Amino acid sequence: MNQAAWSLLIFFLLCLLAFFSFKPKTGWFWLIRNRLRKNDRVIMEDILKILFHDEHDTNPVFEMKKALGITDSHLNQLLETMIQSQLISKKENNIVLTQSGKDYALRIIRIHRLWETFLSEKTGFNKLEWHDRAEEMEHNLSGQEVKELASKIGNPRFDPHGDPIPTEDGKLGTLDGETLDIFEGQFAKIVHVEDEPESVYEAILKFGFHIGDTMKIESKKGNSIQLISDGSTLMIPFDVAKNITVANIPMEAYKEDICRLSKLNIGEQAEIIGLSKECRGINRRRLLDLGFVPNTKISIQMESPMKEPKAFLIFNTLIALRKEQADHILIKKYSAI
């Protein structure tokens, strides 16, 4: 084998090593870093959250050891410590939270949901990053820092996914509605979107669903639901639908002729109805400052070869928006140019 072939082989092997080392979330670098960061207190707080969600959520929870990435002996040791601390108790073969354990879990969940709200309103991080960043911060904030964080974002009652945020005194509101896969009504509004597992959350975002969207359920065929949302007919697999919670609405509340700006095509003209309730904080202020206000005419003047961003004409000014930004703007199409 000549020198050029050896060089090419070595380069290929180095690339392969770099891929397995730094692959997001599952690469060796990230796994080692996360293990070093996770002390016993952090793992026990994660156990409390897992047990709490197992009691209250309709979505299944991963097996505890698999979710935590620890050995059987380490898990048993931590569970014994938590029993001695009266955070959990054993009833037959089940592990349940004590009242102290529930209160502790609610404090961690409160921080997580407040931090996700902060990320959605005050930063430009992608939605897919909110959960992991909140997972890290939920273990690092003091009681006073949590109070300041809640005050800074206006003491919200719900996080960006529609989950109720526990109050400072440990009260957790309820989420009214049913998951889309078992919903029996004809007209519905999305009130909650589950962000785990990430693969399903990505599918939800790809379908273009947002909190507050209305839809008309047409039929259930096999393992899918056919519905109309944003003026488009969609087939939603049950695996995706079970992670979307909807509430029943009257027929007149269904906004058949209102859709997202991202649905506007070249040659169409529309009127801005308003901004989605999901658009908050700095992102909302920026769009309003740019002129995306109700009763304003808007059209597309050009789009990039990759279809994103698109240049919209508003007040005789061209403004380029990515799909993620255009999704926050509600419009009503009314004529062709």
Protein backbone atom coordinates (compact mmCIF):
# COMPACT_ATOMS: atom_id res chain seq x y z
CA MET A 1 0.00 0.00 0.00
CA ASN A 2 1.48 3.37 -1.04
CA GLN A 3 1.84 6.42 1.20
CA ALA A 4 -1.23 8.18 -0.22
CA ALA A 5 -3.44 5.16 0.53
CA TRP A 6 -2.10 4.92 4.09
CA SER A 7 -2.72 8.62 4.63
CA LEU A 8 -6.28 8.27 3.35
CA LEU A 9 -6.89 5.26 5.62
CA ILE A 10 -5.53 7.07 8.68
CA PHE A 11 -7.66 10.13 7.87
CA PHE A 12 -10.76 7.92 7.56
CA LEU A 13 -10.05 6.24 10.91
CA LEU A 14 -9.53 9.59 12.62
CA CYS A 15 -12.86 10.83 11.23
CA LEU A 16 -14.56 7.66 12.48
CA LEU A 17 -12.99 8.10 15.92
CA ALA A 18 -14.09 11.76 16.06
CA PHE A 19 -17.64 10.77 15.08
CA PHE A 20 -18.00 8.17 17.84
CA SER A 21 -16.30 10.48 20.36
CA PHE A 22 -18.30 13.63 19.77
CA LYS A 23 -21.63 12.36 18.39
CA PRO A 24 -24.28 14.52 20.17
CA LYS A 25 -25.60 12.96 23.41
CA THR A 26 -24.34 9.41 22.69
CA GLY A 27 -20.68 10.11 21.87
CA TRP A 28 -18.01 8.89 24.28
CA PHE A 29 -17.04 12.47 25.18
CA TRP A 30 -20.60 13.43 26.17
CA LEU A 31 -21.26 10.19 28.04
CA ILE A 32 -18.08 10.57 30.11
CA ARG A 33 -18.75 14.26 30.72
CA ASN A 34 -22.31 13.62 31.88
CA ARG A 35 -21.23 10.79 34.16
CA LEU A 36 -18.59 12.97 35.80
CA ARG A 37 -21.11 15.76 36.27
CA LYS A 38 -23.75 13.54 37.85
CA ASN A 39 -23.14 13.17 41.55
CA ASP A 40 -25.40 11.13 43.81
CA ARG A 41 -27.58 14.11 44.72
CA VAL A 42 -28.33 14.80 41.07
CA ILE A 43 -29.14 11.14 40.39
CA MET A 44 -31.46 10.97 43.40
CA GLU A 45 -33.28 14.10 42.20
CA ASP A 46 -33.68 12.43 38.81
CA ILE A 47 -35.11 9.34 40.53
CA LEU A 48 -37.65 11.53 42.35
CA LYS A 49 -38.75 13.06 39.04
CA ILE A 50 -39.05 9.66 37.38
CA LEU A 51 -41.19 8.31 40.22
CA PHE A 52 -43.37 11.44 40.24
CA HIS A 53 -44.05 11.32 36.50
CA ASP A 54 -44.70 7.59 36.69
CA GLU A 55 -47.53 8.33 39.11
CA HIS A 56 -49.01 11.34 37.31
CA ASP A 57 -48.29 11.11 33.58
CA THR A 58 -50.13 9.09 30.95
CA ASN A 59 -46.89 8.57 29.01
CA PRO A 60 -44.75 5.54 29.92
CA VAL A 61 -41.49 6.11 31.82
CA PHE A 62 -38.29 4.35 30.79
CA GLU A 63 -36.93 1.71 33.12
CA MET A 64 -35.13 3.55 35.91
CA LYS A 65 -31.69 2.04 35.44
CA LYS A 66 -31.76 2.63 31.69
CA ALA A 67 -32.94 6.21 32.11
CA LEU A 68 -30.21 6.99 34.67
CA GLY A 69 -27.36 5.06 33.06
CA ILE A 70 -26.13 3.51 36.32
CA THR A 71 -25.47 -0.02 37.57
CA ASP A 72 -27.88 -2.13 39.60
CA SER A 73 -25.69 -1.91 42.69
CA HIS A 74 -25.41 1.88 42.46
CA LEU A 75 -29.18 2.21 42.00
CA ASN A 76 -29.91 -0.05 44.97
CA GLN A 77 -27.48 1.93 47.12
CA LEU A 78 -29.17 5.23 46.22
CA LEU A 79 -32.65 3.82 46.78
CA GLU A 80 -31.61 2.63 50.25
CA THR A 81 -30.28 6.11 51.05
CA MET A 82 -33.56 7.65 49.87
CA ILE A 83 -35.56 5.25 52.05
CA GLN A 84 -33.49 6.24 55.06
CA SER A 85 -34.06 9.92 54.19
CA GLN A 86 -37.81 9.20 54.03
CA LEU A 87 -38.07 10.37 50.42
CA ILE A 88 -39.41 7.04 49.19
CA SER A 89 -40.87 3.88 50.67
CA LYS A 90 -41.35 0.32 49.49
CA LYS A 91 -44.80 -1.21 49.27
CA GLU A 92 -44.56 -4.85 48.26
CA ASN A 93 -42.50 -4.69 45.04
CA ASN A 94 -43.31 -1.06 44.29
CA ILE A 95 -41.30 2.04 45.12
CA VAL A 96 -43.48 5.05 45.96
CA LEU A 97 -42.81 8.63 46.92
CA THR A 98 -43.46 9.83 50.44
CA GLN A 99 -44.99 13.28 50.91
CA SER A 100 -41.48 14.67 51.45
CA GLY A 101 -40.37 12.98 48.24
CA LYS A 102 -43.30 14.47 46.30
CA ASP A 103 -42.54 17.94 47.62
CA TYR A 104 -38.88 17.59 46.65
CA ALA A 105 -39.81 16.32 43.18
CA LEU A 106 -42.17 19.25 42.64
CA ARG A 107 -39.38 21.70 43.48
CA ILE A 108 -37.16 20.15 40.80
CA ILE A 109 -40.02 20.09 38.26
CA ARG A 110 -40.78 23.75 39.04
CA ILE A 111 -37.19 24.77 38.29
CA HIS A 112 -37.16 22.71 35.08
CA ARG A 113 -40.35 24.22 33.70
CA LEU A 114 -39.42 27.76 34.75
CA TRP A 115 -36.06 27.39 33.03
CA GLU A 116 -37.67 26.07 29.82
CA THR A 117 -39.97 29.10 29.90
CA PHE A 118 -36.97 31.39 30.36
CA LEU A 119 -35.19 29.77 27.39
CA SER A 120 -38.28 30.18 25.20
CA GLU A 121 -38.85 33.83 26.09
CA LYS A 122 -35.41 35.29 26.70
CA THR A 123 -33.05 33.38 24.42
CA GLY A 124 -32.77 32.21 20.85
CA PHE A 125 -32.08 28.55 21.63
CA ASN A 126 -33.83 26.00 19.43
CA LYS A 127 -36.84 24.22 20.93
CA LEU A 128 -35.01 20.92 20.79
CA GLU A 129 -32.38 22.31 23.16
CA TRP A 130 -34.73 23.58 25.87
CA HIS A 131 -35.25 20.25 27.64
CA ASP A 132 -31.59 19.24 27.93
CA ARG A 133 -30.51 22.70 29.09
CA ALA A 134 -33.29 22.76 31.69
CA GLU A 135 -32.29 19.25 32.84
CA GLU A 136 -28.85 20.60 33.66
CA MET A 137 -29.97 23.81 35.36
CA GLU A 138 -32.69 22.22 37.51
CA HIS A 139 -30.02 20.82 39.84
CA ASN A 140 -28.01 24.04 40.18
CA LEU A 141 -30.34 26.83 41.31
CA SER A 142 -30.81 27.91 44.93
CA GLY A 143 -34.21 28.79 46.37
CA GLN A 144 -33.55 32.52 46.02
CA GLU A 145 -32.37 32.10 42.42
CA VAL A 146 -35.59 30.24 41.59
CA LYS A 147 -37.67 33.10 43.04
CA GLU A 148 -35.73 35.62 40.96
CA LEU A 149 -36.10 33.48 37.83
CA ALA A 150 -39.88 33.17 38.29
CA SER A 151 -40.22 36.91 38.88
CA LYS A 152 -38.11 37.72 35.83
CA ILE A 153 -40.49 35.85 33.51
CA GLY A 154 -43.69 37.01 35.20
CA ASN A 155 -44.49 33.96 37.39
CA PRO A 156 -46.05 31.95 34.54
CA ARG A 157 -48.61 29.21 35.23
CA PHE A 158 -47.62 27.03 32.24
CA ASP A 159 -44.37 26.27 30.46
CA PRO A 160 -43.91 26.52 26.65
CA HIS A 161 -45.12 22.93 26.15
CA GLY A 162 -48.35 23.55 28.08
CA ASP A 163 -47.27 21.78 31.28
CA PRO A 164 -48.50 23.43 34.51
CA ILE A 165 -45.66 24.90 36.58
CA PRO A 166 -45.78 23.97 40.29
CA THR A 167 -46.26 27.00 42.53
CA GLU A 168 -43.73 28.05 45.13
CA ASP A 169 -45.76 26.31 47.82
CA GLY A 170 -45.86 23.04 45.88
CA LYS A 171 -49.30 23.14 44.26
CA LEU A 172 -49.56 21.69 40.76
CA GLY A 173 -52.34 22.75 38.42
CA THR A 174 -54.20 20.30 36.24
CA LEU A 175 -54.08 19.92 32.49
CA ASP A 176 -57.58 19.54 31.05
CA GLY A 177 -57.85 17.50 27.89
CA GLU A 178 -57.18 14.11 26.31
CA THR A 179 -54.36 12.84 24.16
CA LEU A 180 -55.17 13.10 20.48
CA ASP A 181 -55.08 9.34 19.90
CA ILE A 182 -58.10 8.76 22.21
CA PHE A 183 -59.93 12.06 21.62
CA GLU A 184 -63.51 11.45 20.46
CA GLY A 185 -64.66 14.95 19.51
CA GLN A 186 -64.63 16.60 16.07
CA PHE A 187 -63.09 20.00 16.85
CA ALA A 188 -60.10 20.44 19.15
CA LYS A 189 -57.39 22.82 20.32
CA ILE A 190 -53.85 21.77 21.27
CA VAL A 191 -53.18 22.49 24.95
CA HIS A 192 -50.02 20.45 25.52
CA VAL A 193 -47.16 18.95 23.51
CA GLU A 194 -44.92 16.35 25.15
CA ASP A 195 -41.22 16.92 24.43
CA GLU A 196 -40.02 13.38 25.20
CA PRO A 197 -38.92 11.22 23.54
CA GLU A 198 -37.05 13.68 21.33
CA SER A 199 -37.69 11.68 18.13
CA VAL A 200 -41.47 12.00 18.59
CA TYR A 201 -41.14 15.68 19.52
CA GLU A 202 -39.21 16.27 16.29
CA ALA A 203 -42.07 14.59 14.39
CA ILE A 204 -44.61 16.88 16.11
CA LEU A 205 -42.59 19.94 15.11
CA LYS A 206 -42.25 18.61 11.56
CA PHE A 207 -46.06 18.38 11.30
CA GLY A 208 -46.10 22.04 12.37
CA PHE A 209 -48.19 21.66 15.54
CA HIS A 210 -48.11 24.42 18.16
CA ILE A 211 -49.89 25.19 21.42
CA GLY A 212 -53.24 26.83 20.62
CA ASP A 213 -53.64 25.34 17.13
CA THR A 214 -57.20 24.30 16.27
CA MET A 215 -58.08 21.26 14.17
CA LYS A 216 -60.95 19.30 12.72
CA ILE A 217 -60.83 15.52 13.24
CA GLU A 218 -62.06 13.78 10.11
CA SER A 219 -61.49 10.06 10.75
CA LYS A 220 -59.34 7.38 12.35
CA LYS A 221 -57.90 4.89 9.90
CA GLY A 222 -55.78 1.99 11.11
CA ASN A 223 -53.10 3.46 13.36
CA SER A 224 -53.48 7.03 12.10
CA ILE A 225 -55.80 10.00 12.52
CA GLN A 226 -56.83 12.13 9.55
CA LEU A 227 -57.36 15.77 10.45
CA ILE A 228 -57.33 19.27 9.01
CA SER A 229 -55.06 21.88 10.59
CA ASP A 230 -53.69 25.14 9.16
CA GLY A 231 -55.63 24.48 5.98
CA SER A 232 -53.81 21.18 5.34
CA THR A 233 -55.07 17.60 5.56
CA LEU A 234 -52.70 15.48 7.63
CA MET A 235 -52.37 11.83 8.60
CA ILE A 236 -50.99 11.63 12.16
CA PRO A 237 -49.67 8.27 13.45
CA PHE A 238 -50.96 7.24 16.89
CA ASP A 239 -47.36 7.21 18.20
CA VAL A 240 -47.24 10.95 17.53
CA ALA A 241 -50.86 11.68 18.46
CA LYS A 242 -50.50 10.21 21.97
CA ASN A 243 -47.93 12.92 22.78
CA ILE A 244 -50.35 15.74 21.89
CA THR A 245 -53.05 16.75 24.38
CA VAL A 246 -56.13 18.49 23.01
CA ALA A 247 -59.26 20.06 24.48
CA ASN A 248 -62.73 19.96 22.93
CA ILE A 249 -63.91 23.24 21.36
CA PRO A 250 -67.21 24.29 19.73
CA MET A 251 -67.39 24.31 15.93
CA GLU A 252 -67.37 28.12 15.77
CA ALA A 253 -64.00 28.21 17.60
CA TYR A 254 -62.36 26.19 14.82
CA LYS A 255 -60.35 28.65 12.69
CA GLU A 256 -60.63 26.99 9.31
CA ASP A 257 -59.36 29.94 7.29
CA ILE A 258 -56.45 30.91 9.59
CA CYS A 259 -53.02 29.41 9.12
CA ARG A 260 -49.34 30.11 9.78
CA LEU A 261 -47.34 32.53 7.66
CA SER A 262 -45.05 29.63 6.78
CA LYS A 263 -47.97 28.20 4.73
CA LEU A 264 -48.09 31.25 2.45
CA ASN A 265 -46.91 30.58 -1.10
CA ILE A 266 -45.50 32.83 -3.79
CA GLY A 267 -48.41 34.44 -5.65
CA GLU A 268 -50.65 34.51 -2.57
CA GLN A 269 -51.52 37.50 -0.43
CA ALA A 270 -52.73 37.49 3.15
CA GLU A 271 -53.68 39.60 6.11
CA ILE A 272 -51.97 39.21 9.46
CA ILE A 273 -54.38 38.14 12.19
CA GLY A 274 -51.88 38.24 15.06
CA LEU A 275 -49.07 36.34 16.74
CA SER A 276 -49.38 32.87 18.20
CA LYS A 277 -49.68 32.67 21.99
CA GLU A 278 -46.63 30.42 21.81
CA CYS A 279 -44.57 33.39 20.64
CA ARG A 280 -43.50 35.24 23.78
CA GLY A 281 -40.81 37.43 25.26
CA ILE A 282 -38.00 38.76 23.10
CA ASN A 283 -39.20 36.89 19.98
CA ARG A 284 -42.68 38.44 20.22
CA ARG A 285 -41.32 41.94 20.75
CA ARG A 286 -38.98 41.60 17.78
CA LEU A 287 -41.77 40.53 15.38
CA LEU A 288 -44.04 43.34 16.59
CA ASP A 289 -41.21 45.85 16.18
CA LEU A 290 -40.72 44.63 12.60
CA GLY A 291 -44.36 45.41 11.84
CA PHE A 292 -46.04 42.00 12.03
CA VAL A 293 -49.21 43.41 13.55
CA PRO A 294 -52.91 42.63 12.94
CA ASN A 295 -54.71 43.91 9.81
CA THR A 296 -51.44 44.23 7.86
CA LYS A 297 -51.16 42.96 4.27
CA ILE A 298 -48.29 40.59 3.55
CA SER A 299 -46.97 38.57 0.63
CA ILE A 300 -43.83 36.65 -0.40
CA GLN A 301 -41.48 38.37 -2.81
CA MET A 302 -38.71 35.78 -3.00
CA GLU A 303 -37.35 32.66 -1.38
CA SER A 304 -33.90 31.13 -1.20
CA PRO A 305 -33.01 28.09 -3.34
CA MET A 306 -33.43 25.93 -0.20
CA LYS A 307 -36.91 27.45 0.40
CA GLU A 308 -35.70 29.08 3.64
CA PRO A 309 -35.50 31.88 4.58
CA LYS A 310 -38.25 33.63 2.63
CA ALA A 311 -38.47 37.37 2.00
CA PHE A 312 -41.86 38.81 2.95
CA LEU A 313 -43.15 42.19 1.75
CA ILE A 314 -44.70 44.17 4.58
CA PHE A 315 -45.16 47.97 4.65
CA ASN A 316 -43.16 48.13 1.37
CA THR A 317 -40.20 46.57 3.16
CA LEU A 318 -38.64 43.15 2.55
CA ILE A 319 -38.05 41.15 5.73
CA ALA A 320 -36.45 37.68 5.68
CA LEU A 321 -37.82 35.10 8.11
CA ARG A 322 -36.97 31.47 8.80
CA LYS A 323 -39.81 28.93 8.97
CA GLU A 324 -39.51 28.78 12.76
CA GLN A 325 -40.18 32.54 12.93
CA ALA A 326 -42.95 32.50 10.31
CA ASP A 327 -44.73 29.75 12.27
CA HIS A 328 -45.44 32.30 15.02
CA ILE A 329 -47.42 34.62 12.71
CA LEU A 330 -51.11 33.85 12.08
CA ILE A 331 -52.58 34.92 8.75
CA LYS A 332 -55.73 34.73 6.67
CA LYS A 333 -55.23 34.20 2.95
CA TYR A 334 -57.69 36.15 0.87
CA SER A 335 -56.63 36.54 -2.77
CA ALA A 336 -54.05 35.87 -5.38
CA ILE A 337 -51.72 38.66 -6.47
